[in-house]
C-alpha cells in the first residue's frame, strides 16, 4: 500500500475506532493482537512499558522524591532499593528517612552527620542489634572466680568491677579480660566504691574505711555508726563522704580527715542507699550545679541539699504509699533530673524540679521486678529469672535474658548494672561491655556482657 493511501486508511480507521465503545475497542485490539507476528508483539511490549510503567522517582525532582519516600517504612524502602540502580541511588541519598528510621529504633542521632549512606548503614546495623535483642541473642555470659566466701558488694566504673566479700577482701577486675588487677585485705564489705587511687568500703562492723589500691594500706577509718554500713558515696571536690546504715542514720564525713561532720536523722528503717549527685534542674529549692544527697530506706526516699551546708535539713520525703503497705525495691536511680524507683505498684518516676510523680509504669506481673537502670529511651529491669529491657517510649518489654539462681539481696548490693549510656539510646559503640553483674552462691560473680555485632 502506498504511503498516501496508508495514511488515508489509518485516518479512517482512527475515526471509526474512536467512535467505538470501550468493549468494542478491547475486542478490536484483541483481534489485531491475534493477527500480529513476533515483530509486532515485541514492538507492542516495548512501547507499553514506556507508556504504563512510569519511573516516578526518576522523573520527579529529588526533593519531591524524598517527600514521598518519608511515608514508607524502612523495610519497604530496603525492598525498593532492589528495584533499580536509580531507585537505590535516590533512596540511599535520603538522609532524613534513615535518620528517622534509626531514631524509631531507639538509636542516638548526630544531626551534624548528613551522609545518607552512613545512616543507611547505621540503620542496617541497628536492625541487626534489635533483632538480636528480640531473639535473646544480644548478650553472652562470663564468670569471675577468686573469692572464697560470699560476695556482698559490687561497684562498676569504666570497664572495671570492684567486689567486696565475706572473705575480708576486695578485688578489682578488668571485665573485658576477666583478670584481677588488685586484691587487697579489708574488713567484711557491705558496700564499695572506688576510683583510680582509692577504694571506699562500708562494713558490717559499723565502720567505713578508705584504702589505697597500689599498696593495700588503710588510709582512713570512719567510726560512728552503731549499725552495719550498707551504702557509701563520696565527692573529692567537696571532700565529703556519705554513708547509710542499719542504725537508721546517714552520716556526712570529711573524706580527707575521717571527721564526722553531721548525722542526718529521720529514717525509721535501714538506710540501704545513699546517692551524691549534682542537680541539673532549677526549682525553688535548688539550682543546677547544687550537690544533692538522696537516701533511701524500705519505704521512703529523702532529699538533702548537701552542697550548701553540712547542717542541712531534709528538703522532701518521697514515698509510694502513705500507710507503708508498699515497700520500695532496693535500687534507686537519680541523674540530677529524675528520681526513679520501683515497687510492687510499678516503676515510679519523679520530676526533681517539682517532686511531682511524672508517671507510673506498670508492666505485666511487675510485683517482683526491680530497677537496675533508667534512661531516656530504655530501662533495665530484672527479677528472679530474667533480665529485661523496656522501651520507655511504649512502656513495652522488648527483650529478656535468662539469669541463673543468683544470691538474693534485700539491700540490692549483690547485683548492679554495668555500662549505662546505651539506656539513653544505642549508637553502635555503646552496646559493648558489661550489662549486668551479680554474685552467685558459689562465691563467683556472674557477668552478662554485650555480644559483638554479627
Protein backbone atom coordinates (compact mmCIF):
# COMPACT_ATOMS: atom_id res chain seq x y z
CA UNK A 1 0.00 0.00 0.00
CA UNK A 2 1.32 3.38 -0.93
CA UNK A 3 2.16 5.76 1.92
CA UNK A 4 -0.56 8.21 0.87
CA UNK A 5 -3.20 5.51 0.73
CA UNK A 6 -1.99 4.05 4.04
CA UNK A 7 -2.28 7.41 5.82
CA UNK A 8 -5.83 7.88 4.48
CA UNK A 9 -6.76 4.37 5.61
CA UNK A 10 -5.22 4.96 9.04
CA UNK A 11 -7.15 8.23 9.49
CA UNK A 12 -10.37 6.47 8.58
CA UNK A 13 -9.65 3.59 10.99
CA UNK A 14 -8.79 6.07 13.78
CA UNK A 15 -12.10 7.93 13.38
CA UNK A 16 -14.02 4.66 13.44
CA UNK A 17 -12.02 3.33 16.47
CA UNK A 18 -12.72 6.47 18.48
CA UNK A 19 -16.45 6.06 17.91
CA UNK A 20 -16.49 2.54 19.40
CA UNK A 21 -17.43 1.65 22.96
CA UNK A 22 -14.73 0.54 25.38
CA UNK A 23 -15.79 -3.08 24.96
CA UNK A 24 -15.63 -2.80 21.18
CA UNK A 25 -12.20 -1.15 21.38
CA UNK A 26 -10.94 -4.03 23.52
CA UNK A 27 -12.30 -6.62 21.09
CA UNK A 28 -10.66 -4.74 18.20
CA UNK A 29 -7.29 -4.71 19.96
CA UNK A 30 -7.61 -8.41 20.84
CA UNK A 31 -8.28 -9.19 17.21
CA UNK A 32 -5.33 -7.12 15.95
CA UNK A 33 -3.00 -8.77 18.53
CA UNK A 34 -4.12 -12.20 17.35
CA UNK A 35 -3.13 -11.23 13.81
CA UNK A 36 0.29 -9.87 14.86
CA UNK A 37 3.59 -11.66 14.46
CA UNK A 38 6.72 -11.61 16.65
CA UNK A 39 7.95 -8.27 15.31
CA UNK A 40 4.67 -6.54 16.11
CA UNK A 41 4.36 -8.13 19.60
CA UNK A 42 7.91 -7.07 20.51
CA UNK A 43 7.16 -3.53 19.35
CA UNK A 44 3.95 -3.53 21.36
CA UNK A 45 5.70 -4.77 24.50
CA UNK A 46 8.44 -2.12 24.37
CA UNK A 47 6.00 0.74 23.89
CA UNK A 48 3.57 -0.45 26.57
CA UNK A 49 6.35 -0.50 29.16
CA UNK A 50 7.19 3.12 28.38
CA UNK A 51 3.53 4.18 28.49
CA UNK A 52 2.40 2.26 31.57
CA UNK A 53 5.49 1.79 33.78
CA UNK A 54 6.50 5.37 34.53
CA UNK A 55 9.52 5.66 36.85
CA UNK A 56 8.25 8.47 39.08
CA UNK A 57 11.41 8.54 41.25
CA UNK A 58 13.44 9.20 38.12
CA UNK A 59 11.02 11.78 36.74
CA UNK A 60 10.25 13.74 39.93
CA UNK A 61 12.53 16.45 41.38
CA UNK A 62 14.73 14.99 44.12
CA UNK A 63 13.05 16.90 46.96
CA UNK A 64 9.62 15.55 45.93
CA UNK A 65 11.04 12.03 45.77
CA UNK A 66 12.39 12.46 49.31
CA UNK A 67 8.99 13.69 50.49
CA UNK A 68 7.25 10.60 49.09
CA UNK A 69 9.88 8.24 50.48
CA UNK A 70 9.33 9.56 54.03
CA UNK A 71 5.88 7.95 54.02
CA UNK A 72 7.31 4.46 53.55
CA UNK A 73 8.52 2.22 56.35
CA UNK A 74 12.22 1.25 56.34
CA UNK A 75 11.65 -2.38 55.34
CA UNK A 76 9.67 -1.26 52.29
CA UNK A 77 12.44 1.18 51.43
CA UNK A 78 15.03 -1.59 51.57
CA UNK A 79 12.87 -3.59 49.16
CA UNK A 80 12.57 -0.55 46.87
CA UNK A 81 16.37 -0.32 46.78
CA UNK A 82 16.31 -3.58 44.80
CA UNK A 83 14.08 -2.20 42.01
CA UNK A 84 16.87 -0.50 40.07
CA UNK A 85 20.21 1.27 40.45
CA UNK A 86 18.42 4.60 40.11
CA UNK A 87 15.97 3.80 42.91
CA UNK A 88 18.77 2.57 45.14
CA UNK A 89 20.72 5.77 44.49
CA UNK A 90 17.77 8.03 45.33
CA UNK A 91 16.65 6.11 48.41
CA UNK A 92 20.20 5.80 49.75
CA UNK A 93 20.62 9.58 49.43
CA UNK A 94 17.63 10.46 51.64
CA UNK A 95 19.32 11.33 54.94
CA UNK A 96 16.16 12.21 56.88
CA UNK A 97 14.50 8.89 56.05
CA UNK A 98 17.33 6.82 57.53
CA UNK A 99 17.88 9.12 60.50
CA UNK A 100 14.19 8.84 61.39
CA UNK A 101 14.32 5.06 61.00
CA UNK A 102 17.27 4.92 63.41
CA UNK A 103 15.50 7.17 65.94
CA UNK A 104 12.45 4.93 65.86
CA UNK A 105 14.65 2.00 66.87
CA UNK A 106 16.00 3.95 69.86
CA UNK A 107 19.28 4.99 68.24
CA UNK A 108 21.15 8.18 69.11
CA UNK A 109 21.39 10.54 66.12
CA UNK A 110 24.18 13.03 65.47
CA UNK A 111 22.41 15.58 63.27
CA UNK A 112 25.72 17.05 62.16
CA UNK A 113 26.40 13.91 60.11
CA UNK A 114 24.44 14.38 56.89
CA UNK A 115 25.82 11.42 54.93
CA UNK A 116 22.71 9.41 54.00
CA UNK A 117 24.68 6.29 53.14
CA UNK A 118 26.21 6.41 56.64
CA UNK A 119 22.76 6.46 58.24
CA UNK A 120 21.52 3.67 55.98
CA UNK A 121 24.43 1.52 57.19
CA UNK A 122 23.71 2.54 60.80
CA UNK A 123 20.09 1.50 60.33
CA UNK A 124 21.09 -1.92 58.99
CA UNK A 125 23.41 -2.35 61.99
CA UNK A 126 20.64 -1.20 64.33
CA UNK A 127 18.18 -3.66 62.81
CA UNK A 128 20.64 -6.48 63.49
CA UNK A 129 21.15 -5.46 67.13
CA UNK A 130 17.42 -5.03 67.78
CA UNK A 131 16.73 -8.42 66.21
CA UNK A 132 19.37 -9.95 68.49
CA UNK A 133 17.67 -8.35 71.49
CA UNK A 134 14.26 -9.63 70.44
CA UNK A 135 15.63 -13.14 69.78
CA UNK A 136 17.55 -13.18 73.12
CA UNK A 137 20.89 -13.34 71.28
CA UNK A 138 22.41 -9.92 72.07
CA UNK A 139 24.26 -10.95 75.24
CA UNK A 140 26.77 -13.52 76.41
CA UNK A 141 27.81 -14.59 79.91
CA UNK A 142 31.05 -14.93 81.81
CA UNK A 143 32.22 -15.59 85.37
CA UNK A 144 34.81 -14.09 87.70
CA UNK A 145 36.29 -16.60 90.17
CA UNK A 146 38.58 -15.68 93.04
CA UNK A 147 36.66 -15.05 96.27
CA UNK A 148 36.43 -17.77 98.92
CA UNK A 149 33.28 -16.51 100.67
CA UNK A 150 30.06 -14.65 99.87
CA UNK A 151 30.36 -11.53 97.70
CA UNK A 152 28.24 -8.85 99.36
CA UNK A 153 29.12 -5.72 97.40
CA UNK A 154 29.63 -4.74 93.75
CA UNK A 155 30.53 -1.46 92.06
CA UNK A 156 31.27 -0.83 88.36
CA UNK A 157 33.10 2.03 86.63
CA UNK A 158 34.87 2.43 83.26
CA UNK A 159 35.27 -1.25 82.46
CA UNK A 160 36.37 -2.17 85.99
CA UNK A 161 34.33 -4.11 88.55
CA UNK A 162 35.03 -3.99 92.28
CA UNK A 163 33.83 -6.83 94.52
CA UNK A 164 33.74 -6.89 98.31
CA UNK A 165 33.44 -10.21 100.10
CA UNK A 166 32.93 -12.01 103.39
CA UNK A 167 36.46 -13.38 102.95
CA UNK A 168 37.78 -9.98 104.21
CA UNK A 169 39.00 -8.90 100.80
CA UNK A 170 38.12 -6.59 97.93
CA UNK A 171 39.13 -7.24 94.34
CA UNK A 172 39.27 -5.06 91.25
CA UNK A 173 38.60 -6.84 87.95
CA UNK A 174 39.05 -5.93 84.30
CA UNK A 175 35.68 -7.03 82.91
CA UNK A 176 36.91 -7.37 79.32
CA UNK A 177 39.67 -9.85 80.21
CA UNK A 178 38.32 -11.32 83.44
CA UNK A 179 41.69 -10.63 85.13
CA UNK A 180 42.00 -9.48 88.73
CA UNK A 181 44.03 -6.24 88.77
CA UNK A 182 44.16 -5.65 92.52
CA UNK A 183 43.29 -7.75 95.54
CA UNK A 184 43.59 -6.21 98.99
CA UNK A 185 42.76 -7.33 102.52
CA UNK A 186 39.85 -5.39 104.03
CA UNK A 187 37.05 -5.87 106.56
CA UNK A 188 33.77 -7.56 105.58
CA UNK A 189 32.39 -5.31 102.83
CA UNK A 190 28.70 -4.46 102.62
CA UNK A 191 29.29 -1.59 100.15
CA UNK A 192 32.14 -0.49 97.89
CA UNK A 193 33.02 2.46 95.67
CA UNK A 194 36.36 3.19 94.00
CA UNK A 195 38.38 5.42 91.71
CA UNK A 196 41.87 5.10 90.22
CA UNK A 197 43.70 5.59 93.53
CA UNK A 198 41.38 4.55 96.32
CA UNK A 199 38.66 2.20 97.47
CA UNK A 200 35.96 3.20 99.98
CA UNK A 201 34.18 0.37 101.82
CA UNK A 202 31.19 0.23 104.14
CA UNK A 203 31.25 -2.72 106.50
CA UNK A 204 29.11 -4.93 108.69
CA UNK A 205 31.49 -3.93 111.51
CA UNK A 206 29.75 -0.49 111.56
CA UNK A 207 32.70 1.39 110.04
CA UNK A 208 33.68 2.96 106.74
CA UNK A 209 37.26 2.69 105.52
CA UNK A 210 39.36 4.17 102.73
CA UNK A 211 42.11 2.02 101.15
CA UNK A 212 44.91 2.61 98.68
CA UNK A 213 44.82 0.21 95.74
CA UNK A 214 48.52 0.19 94.99
CA UNK A 215 49.68 -0.70 98.49
CA UNK A 216 46.53 -2.11 100.10
CA UNK A 217 47.03 0.29 103.02
CA UNK A 218 44.10 1.65 105.02
CA UNK A 219 44.37 5.43 104.70
CA UNK A 220 41.30 6.46 106.67
CA UNK A 221 38.80 4.93 109.09
CA UNK A 222 35.36 6.44 109.75
CA UNK A 223 33.88 5.41 113.12
CA UNK A 224 30.48 6.49 114.48
CA UNK A 225 27.69 4.30 113.13
CA UNK A 226 26.07 1.85 115.54
CA UNK A 227 24.84 -0.48 112.78
CA UNK A 228 26.18 -2.03 109.60
CA UNK A 229 27.01 0.43 106.81
CA UNK A 230 25.05 -0.59 103.72
CA UNK A 231 25.87 2.20 101.26
CA UNK A 232 28.62 4.76 100.67
CA UNK A 233 29.22 7.61 98.24
CA UNK A 234 31.79 10.39 98.11
CA UNK A 235 32.85 13.53 96.25
CA UNK A 236 36.51 14.57 96.14
CA UNK A 237 35.64 18.12 95.10
CA UNK A 238 33.52 18.64 98.23
CA UNK A 239 35.84 16.47 100.37
CA UNK A 240 32.70 14.72 101.59
CA UNK A 241 31.82 11.08 102.17
CA UNK A 242 28.26 9.96 103.00
CA UNK A 243 27.17 6.64 104.46
CA UNK A 244 23.83 4.96 105.08
CA UNK A 245 23.44 2.50 107.91
CA UNK A 246 21.27 -0.05 109.69
CA UNK A 247 21.18 2.42 112.61
CA UNK A 248 18.60 4.44 110.55
CA UNK A 249 21.00 7.36 110.03
CA UNK A 250 23.02 8.97 107.25
CA UNK A 251 26.40 10.33 108.27
CA UNK A 252 28.36 13.06 106.49
CA UNK A 253 32.14 12.81 106.86
CA UNK A 254 35.19 14.82 105.87
CA UNK A 255 36.74 12.47 103.33
CA UNK A 256 40.32 13.57 103.97
CA UNK A 257 40.29 13.53 107.81
CA UNK A 258 37.60 11.00 108.73
CA UNK A 259 35.80 13.54 110.93
CA UNK A 260 32.01 13.15 111.23
CA UNK A 261 30.52 16.47 110.15
CA UNK A 262 26.84 15.68 110.64
CA UNK A 263 24.36 12.90 111.29
CA UNK A 264 21.14 13.09 109.29
CA UNK A 265 18.14 11.56 111.04
CA UNK A 266 14.55 10.90 110.10
CA UNK A 267 14.65 7.43 108.61
CA UNK A 268 12.80 4.73 110.55
CA UNK A 269 14.27 1.77 108.64
CA UNK A 270 17.71 0.66 107.48
CA UNK A 271 19.22 3.21 105.08
CA UNK A 272 20.15 0.93 102.20
CA UNK A 273 21.16 3.51 99.59
CA UNK A 274 22.84 6.92 99.52
CA UNK A 275 23.48 8.80 96.27
CA UNK A 276 25.51 12.02 95.97
CA UNK A 277 24.77 13.79 92.68
CA UNK A 278 24.75 17.24 91.07
CA UNK A 279 21.35 18.78 90.39
CA UNK A 280 20.64 19.53 86.71
CA UNK A 281 17.33 21.44 87.02
CA UNK A 282 16.18 24.66 88.64
CA UNK A 283 13.45 24.89 91.26
CA UNK A 284 12.57 26.93 94.33
CA UNK A 285 14.70 24.60 96.45
CA UNK A 286 17.81 24.06 94.30
CA UNK A 287 19.71 25.24 91.25
CA UNK A 288 21.72 23.45 88.56
CA UNK A 289 25.12 22.53 89.95
CA UNK A 290 23.95 22.10 93.55
CA UNK A 291 25.09 18.87 95.17
CA UNK A 292 22.15 16.78 96.33
CA UNK A 293 22.11 13.76 98.62
CA UNK A 294 19.42 11.10 98.29
CA UNK A 295 18.97 8.49 101.00
CA UNK A 296 16.53 5.61 100.77
CA UNK A 297 15.13 3.05 103.16
CA UNK A 298 12.46 0.38 102.74
CA UNK A 299 9.62 2.91 102.39
CA UNK A 300 11.00 6.42 101.81
CA UNK A 301 13.44 8.46 99.76
CA UNK A 302 14.78 11.58 101.48
CA UNK A 303 16.37 14.53 99.67
CA UNK A 304 19.09 16.67 101.32
CA UNK A 305 20.86 19.82 99.95
CA UNK A 306 24.28 18.53 100.97
CA UNK A 307 26.34 21.01 98.96
CA UNK A 308 25.04 24.20 100.61
CA UNK A 309 25.71 23.44 104.25
CA UNK A 310 26.68 20.46 106.32
CA UNK A 311 23.87 21.05 108.85
CA UNK A 312 21.21 20.68 106.18
CA UNK A 313 17.57 19.79 106.64
CA UNK A 314 15.57 17.35 104.54
CA UNK A 315 14.02 19.09 101.52
CA UNK A 316 11.47 16.42 100.72
CA UNK A 317 10.43 12.86 101.53
CA UNK A 318 9.08 10.70 98.71
CA UNK A 319 7.06 7.51 99.06
CA UNK A 320 4.61 5.45 97.01
CA UNK A 321 2.21 4.55 99.83
CA UNK A 322 1.15 6.71 102.78
CA UNK A 323 0.29 3.77 105.01
CA UNK A 324 3.57 1.94 104.28
CA UNK A 325 1.77 -1.03 102.83
CA UNK A 326 4.07 -0.98 99.79
CA UNK A 327 7.84 -1.12 100.13
CA UNK A 328 10.42 0.21 97.68
CA UNK A 329 12.79 -2.08 95.83
CA UNK A 330 16.43 -1.55 96.85
CA UNK A 331 17.72 0.02 93.62
CA UNK A 332 17.45 3.80 93.14
CA UNK A 333 18.11 5.97 90.06
CA UNK A 334 18.95 9.67 90.23
CA UNK A 335 20.58 11.55 87.35
CA UNK A 336 20.03 15.14 88.52
CA UNK A 337 16.72 15.45 86.61
CA UNK A 338 14.64 12.46 87.63
CA UNK A 339 14.32 10.12 90.57
CA UNK A 340 13.18 6.61 89.70
CA UNK A 341 12.45 3.68 91.96
CA UNK A 342 10.41 0.50 91.65
CA UNK A 343 7.86 -1.10 93.94
CA UNK A 344 5.14 -3.72 93.73
CA UNK A 345 2.90 -0.98 92.27
CA UNK A 346 5.23 -0.31 89.35
CA UNK A 347 8.08 1.93 88.27
CA UNK A 348 7.77 5.45 89.75
CA UNK A 349 9.39 8.45 88.07
CA UNK A 350 9.56 11.79 89.92
CA UNK A 351 10.44 15.14 88.37
CA UNK A 352 13.26 16.52 90.50
CA UNK A 353 12.32 20.16 89.81
CA UNK A 354 8.83 19.80 91.28
CA UNK A 355 8.98 16.43 93.11
CA UNK A 356 5.79 15.52 91.25
CA UNK A 357 5.24 11.95 90.02
CA UNK A 358 5.60 12.11 86.23
CA UNK A 359 4.38 8.58 85.57
CA UNK A 360 3.94 5.12 86.99
CA UNK A 361 4.87 2.32 84.62
CA UNK A 362 3.04 -0.93 85.25
CA UNK A 363 4.25 -3.80 83.06
CA UNK A 364 2.52 -7.17 83.43
CA UNK A 365 3.40 -9.07 86.61
CA UNK A 366 5.53 -6.22 87.96
CA UNK A 367 5.35 -7.25 91.62
CA UNK A 368 8.77 -8.93 91.62
CA UNK A 369 10.57 -6.76 89.06
CA UNK A 370 13.35 -4.42 90.25
CA UNK A 371 15.01 -1.45 88.60
CA UNK A 372 18.65 -1.58 87.50
CA UNK A 373 18.97 1.40 85.19
CA UNK A 374 16.76 4.11 83.69
CA UNK A 375 17.49 6.29 80.66
CA UNK A 376 15.78 8.47 78.07
CA UNK A 377 14.93 5.52 75.79
CA UNK A 378 15.40 2.25 77.68
CA UNK A 379 15.14 0.87 81.22
CA UNK A 380 16.99 -2.18 82.50
CA UNK A 381 14.98 -4.36 84.90
CA UNK A 382 15.27 -7.83 86.43
CA UNK A 383 13.51 -10.39 88.57
CA UNK A 384 14.38 -13.83 89.91
CA UNK A 385 14.58 -15.35 86.43
CA UNK A 386 15.24 -12.74 83.75
CA UNK A 387 16.97 -9.52 82.81
CA UNK A 388 14.53 -7.24 80.91
CA UNK A 389 14.89 -4.28 78.57
CA UNK A 390 11.92 -1.91 78.37
CA UNK A 391 11.33 0.69 75.68
CA UNK A 392 10.22 3.66 77.80
CA UNK A 393 8.51 5.32 74.82
CA UNK A 394 5.98 2.49 74.58
CA UNK A 395 6.46 1.04 78.11
CA UNK A 396 6.75 -2.40 76.50
CA UNK A 397 9.32 -5.07 77.33
CA UNK A 398 11.33 -5.63 74.14
CA UNK A 399 13.88 -8.19 75.33
CA UNK A 400 14.74 -10.57 78.12
CA UNK A 401 17.76 -12.64 79.07
CA UNK A 402 17.73 -15.68 81.40
CA UNK A 403 19.53 -15.36 84.73
CA UNK A 404 20.93 -18.15 86.91
CA UNK A 405 19.99 -18.71 90.53
CA UNK A 406 21.95 -15.74 91.86
CA UNK A 407 22.38 -14.86 95.53
CA UNK A 408 19.43 -12.71 96.66
CA UNK A 409 19.99 -9.41 98.48
CA UNK A 410 17.30 -7.35 100.18
CA UNK A 411 19.64 -4.34 100.10
CA UNK A 412 20.42 -4.61 96.38
CA UNK A 413 24.18 -4.68 96.89
CA UNK A 414 24.83 -8.04 95.24
CA UNK A 415 23.65 -7.05 91.75
CA UNK A 416 24.16 -3.98 89.58
CA UNK A 417 24.01 -2.62 86.06
CA UNK A 418 27.20 -2.11 84.07
CA UNK A 419 27.51 0.41 81.23
CA UNK A 420 24.54 2.78 81.33
CA UNK A 421 24.97 5.19 78.39
CA UNK A 422 23.03 2.93 75.99
CA UNK A 423 19.88 3.48 78.05
CA UNK A 424 19.76 6.98 76.52
CA UNK A 425 19.83 5.44 73.04
CA UNK A 426 22.11 2.96 71.33
CA UNK A 427 24.68 4.34 68.91
CA UNK A 428 26.60 1.34 67.63
CA UNK A 429 29.51 1.90 70.03
CA UNK A 430 27.90 1.92 73.49
CA UNK A 431 26.35 -1.54 73.05
CA UNK A 432 29.54 -3.09 74.37
CA UNK A 433 30.95 -4.21 77.70
CA UNK A 434 29.14 -5.11 80.92
CA UNK A 435 25.34 -5.13 81.08
CA UNK A 436 24.72 -6.79 84.46
CA UNK A 437 26.68 -8.42 87.28
CA UNK A 438 25.53 -10.44 90.25
CA UNK A 439 27.10 -12.59 92.94
CA UNK A 440 26.47 -16.33 92.97
CA UNK A 441 26.02 -18.85 95.81
CA UNK A 442 29.39 -20.44 94.88
CA UNK A 443 31.12 -17.05 95.56
CA UNK A 444 31.73 -16.34 91.85
CA UNK A 445 30.43 -13.27 90.01
CA UNK A 446 28.11 -13.84 87.06
CA UNK A 447 28.52 -11.32 84.23
CA UNK A 448 26.13 -10.52 81.37
CA UNK A 449 28.01 -8.84 78.51
CA UNK A 450 27.06 -7.36 75.15
CA UNK A 451 27.91 -9.75 72.34
CA UNK A 452 29.81 -8.26 69.42
CA UNK A 453 27.77 -7.44 66.32
CA UNK A 454 27.30 -10.28 63.85
